[in-house]
Every structure is written in C-alpha cells, then in structure tokens.
PDB file of N, CA and C in Angstrom:
ATOM      1  N   UNK A   1      63.439  76.224 113.667  1.00  0.00           N
ATOM      2  CA  UNK A   1      64.273  75.809 114.860  1.00  0.00           C
ATOM      3  C   UNK A   1      65.609  76.450 114.769  1.00  0.00           C
ATOM      4  N   UNK A   2      65.913  77.253 115.883  1.00  0.00           N
ATOM      5  CA  UNK A   2      67.139  77.966 115.976  1.00  0.00           C
ATOM      6  C   UNK A   2      68.246  77.061 116.835  1.00  0.00           C
ATOM      7  N   UNK A   3      69.348  76.838 116.190  1.00  0.00           N
ATOM      8  CA  UNK A   3      70.366  76.050 116.752  1.00  0.00           C
ATOM      9  C   UNK A   3      71.280  77.062 117.673  1.00  0.00           C
ATOM     10  N   UNK A   4      71.547  76.498 118.782  1.00  0.00           N
ATOM     11  CA  UNK A   4      72.483  77.362 119.629  1.00  0.00           C
ATOM     12  C   UNK A   4      73.849  76.872 119.309  1.00  0.00           C
ATOM     13  N   UNK A   5      74.749  77.494 119.975  1.00  0.00           N
ATOM     14  CA  UNK A   5      76.179  77.142 119.697  1.00  0.00           C
ATOM     15  C   UNK A   5      76.443  75.724 120.321  1.00  0.00           C
ATOM     16  N   UNK A   6      77.374  74.961 119.586  1.00  0.00           N
ATOM     17  CA  UNK A   6      77.644  73.714 120.046  1.00  0.00           C
ATOM     18  C   UNK A   6      79.111  73.410 119.801  1.00  0.00           C
ATOM     19  N   UNK A   7      79.573  72.436 120.628  1.00  0.00           N
ATOM     20  CA  UNK A   7      80.926  72.103 120.617  1.00  0.00           C
ATOM     21  C   UNK A   7      81.056  70.750 119.985  1.00  0.00           C
ATOM     22  N   UNK A   8      81.980  70.544 119.013  1.00  0.00           N
ATOM     23  CA  UNK A   8      82.271  69.286 118.481  1.00  0.00           C
ATOM     24  C   UNK A   8      83.658  68.774 118.827  1.00  0.00           C
ATOM     25  N   UNK A   9      83.696  67.593 119.396  1.00  0.00           N
ATOM     26  CA  UNK A   9      85.030  67.143 119.751  1.00  0.00           C
ATOM     27  C   UNK A   9      85.445  65.942 118.741  1.00  0.00           C
ATOM     28  N   UNK A  10      86.758  65.930 118.491  1.00  0.00           N
ATOM     29  CA  UNK A  10      87.324  64.937 117.640  1.00  0.00           C
ATOM     30  C   UNK A  10      88.291  64.029 118.328  1.00  0.00           C
ATOM     31  N   UNK A  11      88.518  62.860 117.834  1.00  0.00           N
ATOM     32  CA  UNK A  11      89.336  61.813 118.361  1.00  0.00           C
ATOM     33  C   UNK A  11      90.744  62.292 118.514  1.00  0.00           C
ATOM     34  N   UNK A  12      91.129  63.283 117.561  1.00  0.00           N
ATOM     35  CA  UNK A  12      92.539  63.662 117.428  1.00  0.00           C
ATOM     36  C   UNK A  12      92.817  64.751 118.643  1.00  0.00           C
ATOM     37  N   UNK A  13      91.876  65.094 119.377  1.00  0.00           N
ATOM     38  CA  UNK A  13      92.009  66.028 120.423  1.00  0.00           C
ATOM     39  C   UNK A  13      91.718  67.344 120.116  1.00  0.00           C
ATOM     40  N   UNK A  14      91.254  67.741 118.871  1.00  0.00           N
ATOM     41  CA  UNK A  14      90.855  69.064 118.568  1.00  0.00           C
ATOM     42  C   UNK A  14      89.281  69.385 118.820  1.00  0.00           C
ATOM     43  N   UNK A  15      88.953  70.475 119.203  1.00  0.00           N
ATOM     44  CA  UNK A  15      87.573  70.808 119.466  1.00  0.00           C
ATOM     45  C   UNK A  15      87.165  71.963 118.664  1.00  0.00           C
ATOM     46  N   UNK A  16      85.850  72.001 118.035  1.00  0.00           N
ATOM     47  CA  UNK A  16      85.452  72.999 117.247  1.00  0.00           C
ATOM     48  C   UNK A  16      84.200  73.622 117.933  1.00  0.00           C
ATOM     49  N   UNK A  17      84.080  74.914 118.012  1.00  0.00           N
ATOM     50  CA  UNK A  17      82.945  75.546 118.585  1.00  0.00           C
ATOM     51  C   UNK A  17      82.221  76.168 117.459  1.00  0.00           C
ATOM     52  N   UNK A  18      80.947  75.665 117.106  1.00  0.00           N
ATOM     53  CA  UNK A  18      80.213  76.066 116.031  1.00  0.00           C
ATOM     54  C   UNK A  18      79.272  77.278 116.364  1.00  0.00           C
ATOM     55  N   UNK A  19      79.101  78.312 115.640  1.00  0.00           N
ATOM     56  CA  UNK A  19      78.269  79.378 116.030  1.00  0.00           C
ATOM     57  C   UNK A  19      76.714  78.987 115.883  1.00  0.00           C
ATOM     58  N   UNK A  20      75.998  79.900 116.628  1.00  0.00           N
ATOM     59  CA  UNK A  20      74.441  79.699 116.582  1.00  0.00           C
ATOM     60  C   UNK A  20      74.031  80.250 115.123  1.00  0.00           C
ATOM     61  N   UNK A  21      72.811  79.879 114.712  1.00  0.00           N
ATOM     62  CA  UNK A  21      72.325  80.330 113.417  1.00  0.00           C
ATOM     63  C   UNK A  21      72.335  81.860 113.350  1.00  0.00           C
ATOM     64  N   UNK A  22      71.921  82.514 114.396  1.00  0.00           N
ATOM     65  CA  UNK A  22      71.894  83.944 114.471  1.00  0.00           C
ATOM     66  C   UNK A  22      73.306  84.612 114.274  1.00  0.00           C
ATOM     67  N   UNK A  23      74.227  84.074 114.987  1.00  0.00           N
ATOM     68  CA  UNK A  23      75.608  84.523 114.853  1.00  0.00           C
ATOM     69  C   UNK A  23      76.184  84.332 113.388  1.00  0.00           C
ATOM     70  N   UNK A  24      75.714  83.164 112.847  1.00  0.00           N
ATOM     71  CA  UNK A  24      76.266  82.816 111.506  1.00  0.00           C
ATOM     72  C   UNK A  24      75.571  83.772 110.490  1.00  0.00           C
ATOM     73  N   UNK A  25      74.349  84.061 110.692  1.00  0.00           N
ATOM     74  CA  UNK A  25      73.700  85.127 109.712  1.00  0.00           C
ATOM     75  C   UNK A  25      74.365  86.528 109.838  1.00  0.00           C
ATOM     76  N   UNK A  26      74.661  87.017 110.949  1.00  0.00           N
ATOM     77  CA  UNK A  26      75.202  88.245 111.164  1.00  0.00           C
ATOM     78  C   UNK A  26      76.725  88.223 110.631  1.00  0.00           C
ATOM     79  N   UNK A  27      77.401  87.219 110.873  1.00  0.00           N
ATOM     80  CA  UNK A  27      78.747  87.072 110.308  1.00  0.00           C
ATOM     81  C   UNK A  27      78.674  87.060 108.763  1.00  0.00           C
ATOM     82  N   UNK A  28      77.864  86.351 108.134  1.00  0.00           N
ATOM     83  CA  UNK A  28      77.858  86.251 106.754  1.00  0.00           C
ATOM     84  C   UNK A  28      77.436  87.593 106.125  1.00  0.00           C
ATOM     85  N   UNK A  29      76.390  88.233 106.789  1.00  0.00           N
ATOM     86  CA  UNK A  29      75.982  89.582 106.263  1.00  0.00           C
ATOM     87  C   UNK A  29      77.161  90.620 106.454  1.00  0.00           C
ATOM     88  N   UNK A  30      77.958  90.581 107.482  1.00  0.00           N
ATOM     89  CA  UNK A  30      79.019  91.464 107.729  1.00  0.00           C
ATOM     90  C   UNK A  30      80.091  91.329 106.413  1.00  0.00           C
ATOM     91  N   UNK A  31      80.468  90.087 106.267  1.00  0.00           N
ATOM     92  CA  UNK A  31      81.396  89.802 105.255  1.00  0.00           C
ATOM     93  C   UNK A  31      80.871  90.042 103.744  1.00  0.00           C
ATOM     94  N   UNK A  32      79.635  89.877 103.641  1.00  0.00           N
ATOM     95  CA  UNK A  32      78.991  90.204 102.268  1.00  0.00           C
ATOM     96  C   UNK A  32      79.002  91.697 102.039  1.00  0.00           C
ATOM     97  N   UNK A  33      78.656  92.443 103.208  1.00  0.00           N
ATOM     98  CA  UNK A  33      78.690  93.989 103.004  1.00  0.00           C
ATOM     99  C   UNK A  33      80.026  94.482 102.888  1.00  0.00           C
ATOM    100  N   UNK A  34      80.963  93.890 103.523  1.00  0.00           N
ATOM    101  CA  UNK A  34      82.395  94.256 103.425  1.00  0.00           C
ATOM    102  C   UNK A  34      82.890  94.053 102.099  1.00  0.00           C
ATOM    103  N   UNK A  35      82.560  92.795 101.433  1.00  0.00           N
ATOM    104  CA  UNK A  35      82.887  92.484 100.105  1.00  0.00           C
ATOM    105  C   UNK A  35      82.318  93.513  99.111  1.00  0.00           C
ATOM    106  N   UNK A  36      81.093  93.977  99.248  1.00  0.00           N
ATOM    107  CA  UNK A  36      80.447  94.774  98.214  1.00  0.00           C
ATOM    108  C   UNK A  36      81.064  96.314  98.423  1.00  0.00           C
ATOM    109  N   UNK A  37      81.445  96.673  99.672  1.00  0.00           N
ATOM    110  CA  UNK A  37      82.115  97.897  99.930  1.00  0.00           C
ATOM    111  C   UNK A  37      83.503  97.875  99.233  1.00  0.00           C
ATOM    112  N   UNK A  38      84.278  96.829  99.366  1.00  0.00           N
ATOM    113  CA  UNK A  38      85.574  96.716  98.757  1.00  0.00           C
ATOM    114  C   UNK A  38      85.469  96.814  97.260  1.00  0.00           C
ATOM    115  N   UNK A  39      84.518  96.186  96.679  1.00  0.00           N
ATOM    116  CA  UNK A  39      84.420  96.197  95.247  1.00  0.00           C
ATOM    117  C   UNK A  39      84.004  97.536  94.757  1.00  0.00           C
ATOM    118  N   UNK A  40      83.179  98.304  95.457  1.00  0.00           N
ATOM    119  CA  UNK A  40      82.903  99.618  95.082  1.00  0.00           C
ATOM    120  C   UNK A  40      84.060 100.512  95.222  1.00  0.00           C
ATOM    121  N   UNK A  41      84.741 100.424  96.209  1.00  0.00           N
ATOM    122  CA  UNK A  41      85.985 101.262  96.485  1.00  0.00           C
ATOM    123  C   UNK A  41      87.015 101.015  95.295  1.00  0.00           C
ATOM    124  N   UNK A  42      87.249  99.842  94.883  1.00  0.00           N
ATOM    125  CA  UNK A  42      88.156  99.538  93.900  1.00  0.00           C
ATOM    126  C   UNK A  42      87.645 100.057  92.587  1.00  0.00           C
ATOM    127  N   UNK A  43      86.349  99.940  92.169  1.00  0.00           N
ATOM    128  CA  UNK A  43      86.032 100.553  90.939  1.00  0.00           C
ATOM    129  C   UNK A  43      86.109 102.061  90.900  1.00  0.00           C
ATOM    130  N   UNK A  44      85.911 102.716  92.005  1.00  0.00           N
ATOM    131  CA  UNK A  44      86.046 104.136  92.119  1.00  0.00           C
ATOM    132  C   UNK A  44      87.438 104.403  91.978  1.00  0.00           C
ATOM    133  N   UNK A  45      88.352 103.719  92.514  1.00  0.00           N
ATOM    134  CA  UNK A  45      89.767 104.090  92.358  1.00  0.00           C
ATOM    135  C   UNK A  45      90.174 103.891  90.920  1.00  0.00           C
ATOM    136  N   UNK A  46      89.689 102.987  90.304  1.00  0.00           N
ATOM    137  CA  UNK A  46      90.060 102.695  88.810  1.00  0.00           C
ATOM    138  C   UNK A  46      89.518 103.780  87.973  1.00  0.00           C
ATOM    139  N   UNK A  47      88.368 104.306  88.149  1.00  0.00           N
ATOM    140  CA  UNK A  47      87.902 105.398  87.374  1.00  0.00           C
ATOM    141  C   UNK A  47      88.637 106.636  87.750  1.00  0.00           C
ATOM    142  N   UNK A  48      89.083 106.912  88.838  1.00  0.00           N
ATOM    143  CA  UNK A  48      89.853 108.124  89.102  1.00  0.00           C
ATOM    144  C   UNK A  48      91.231 107.911  88.448  1.00  0.00           C
ATOM    145  N   UNK A  49      91.821 106.765  88.616  1.00  0.00           N
ATOM    146  CA  UNK A  49      93.098 106.483  87.940  1.00  0.00           C
ATOM    147  C   UNK A  49      92.954 106.752  86.463  1.00  0.00           C
ATOM    148  N   UNK A  50      92.000 106.166  85.846  1.00  0.00           N
ATOM    149  CA  UNK A  50      91.837 106.369  84.338  1.00  0.00           C
ATOM    150  C   UNK A  50      91.755 107.869  83.996  1.00  0.00           C
ATOM    151  N   UNK A  51      90.972 108.715  84.762  1.00  0.00           N
ATOM    152  CA  UNK A  51      90.807 109.991  84.448  1.00  0.00           C
ATOM    153  C   UNK A  51      92.167 110.748  84.593  1.00  0.00           C
ATOM    154  N   UNK A  52      92.969 110.449  85.645  1.00  0.00           N
ATOM    155  CA  UNK A  52      94.155 111.079  85.686  1.00  0.00           C
ATOM    156  C   UNK A  52      95.153 110.623  84.617  1.00  0.00           C
ATOM    157  N   UNK A  53      95.106 109.502  84.198  1.00  0.00           N
ATOM    158  CA  UNK A  53      95.993 108.955  83.107  1.00  0.00           C
ATOM    159  C   UNK A  53      95.565 109.744  81.856  1.00  0.00           C
ATOM    160  N   UNK A  54      94.363 109.846  81.615  1.00  0.00           N
ATOM    161  CA  UNK A  54      93.881 110.573  80.414  1.00  0.00           C
ATOM    162  C   UNK A  54      94.297 112.053  80.454  1.00  0.00           C
ATOM    163  N   UNK A  55      94.080 112.776  81.639  1.00  0.00           N
ATOM    164  CA  UNK A  55      94.511 114.042  81.815  1.00  0.00           C
ATOM    165  C   UNK A  55      96.005 114.243  81.660  1.00  0.00           C
ATOM    166  N   UNK A  56      96.819 113.367  82.081  1.00  0.00           N
ATOM    167  CA  UNK A  56      98.269 113.454  81.939  1.00  0.00           C
ATOM    168  C   UNK A  56      98.638 113.219  80.429  1.00  0.00           C
ATOM    169  N   UNK A  57      98.003 112.300  79.830  1.00  0.00           N
ATOM    170  CA  UNK A  57      98.302 112.101  78.361  1.00  0.00           C
ATOM    171  C   UNK A  57      97.979 113.333  77.388  1.00  0.00           C
ATOM    172  N   UNK A  58      96.875 113.958  77.800  1.00  0.00           N
ATOM    173  CA  UNK A  58      96.471 115.216  77.095  1.00  0.00           C
ATOM    174  C   UNK A  58      97.514 116.400  77.367  1.00  0.00           C
ATOM    175  N   UNK A  59      97.948 116.465  78.594  1.00  0.00           N
ATOM    176  CA  UNK A  59      99.017 117.396  78.979  1.00  0.00           C
ATOM    177  C   UNK A  59     100.282 117.101  78.181  1.00  0.00           C
ATOM    178  N   UNK A  60     100.747 115.896  78.168  1.00  0.00           N
ATOM    179  CA  UNK A  60     101.937 115.516  77.415  1.00  0.00           C
ATOM    180  C   UNK A  60     101.812 115.759  75.935  1.00  0.00           C
ATOM    181  N   UNK A  61     100.676 115.450  75.373  1.00  0.00           N
ATOM    182  CA  UNK A  61     100.375 115.737  73.946  1.00  0.00           C
ATOM    183  C   UNK A  61     100.531 117.167  73.549  1.00  0.00           C
ATOM    184  N   UNK A  62     100.016 117.995  74.489  1.00  0.00           N
ATOM    185  CA  UNK A  62     100.095 119.500  74.163  1.00  0.00           C
ATOM    186  C   UNK A  62     101.433 120.018  74.198  1.00  0.00           C
ATOM    187  N   UNK A  63     102.228 119.415  74.992  1.00  0.00           N
ATOM    188  CA  UNK A  63     103.646 119.900  75.140  1.00  0.00           C
ATOM    189  C   UNK A  63     104.461 119.490  73.960  1.00  0.00           C
ATOM    190  N   UNK A  64     104.130 118.573  73.279  1.00  0.00           N
ATOM    191  CA  UNK A  64     104.928 118.120  72.103  1.00  0.00           C
ATOM    192  C   UNK A  64     104.826 119.016  70.832  1.00  0.00           C
TER     193      UNK A  64
END
C-alpha cells in the first residue's frame, strides 16, 4: 500500500505536509549517499594530510 502525500492540521494553527512513501525513499537514499560521500571525502583528506605531515617532518629532520 503506497501512501500519497497528506496534510496534517493541528489545533495550534500549524499544518504539516507529509511526503509520499516514494518521495520519502528517494530523500532518504539521497541523504544516505551524501553521508557516505562526505565520509569518504574526509578520510581521503586525512590520509593526504598525514602524508604531507610525514613528508614535512622528513624534510625538517634532514635539514638539522
């Protein structure tokens, strides 16, 4: 059973528009993929930074 969008009204005067199941799945997949991409990007930057730090420390050591 696929639910369509529906609107929920509250006594305080606020209204919420809930997404359909299909829209919800697409949105969740988008944010999950974005999260994985961000995590991979961060780990790659850390590895690069560690490499450059190591390289700089070797250069400094040889100068002494």
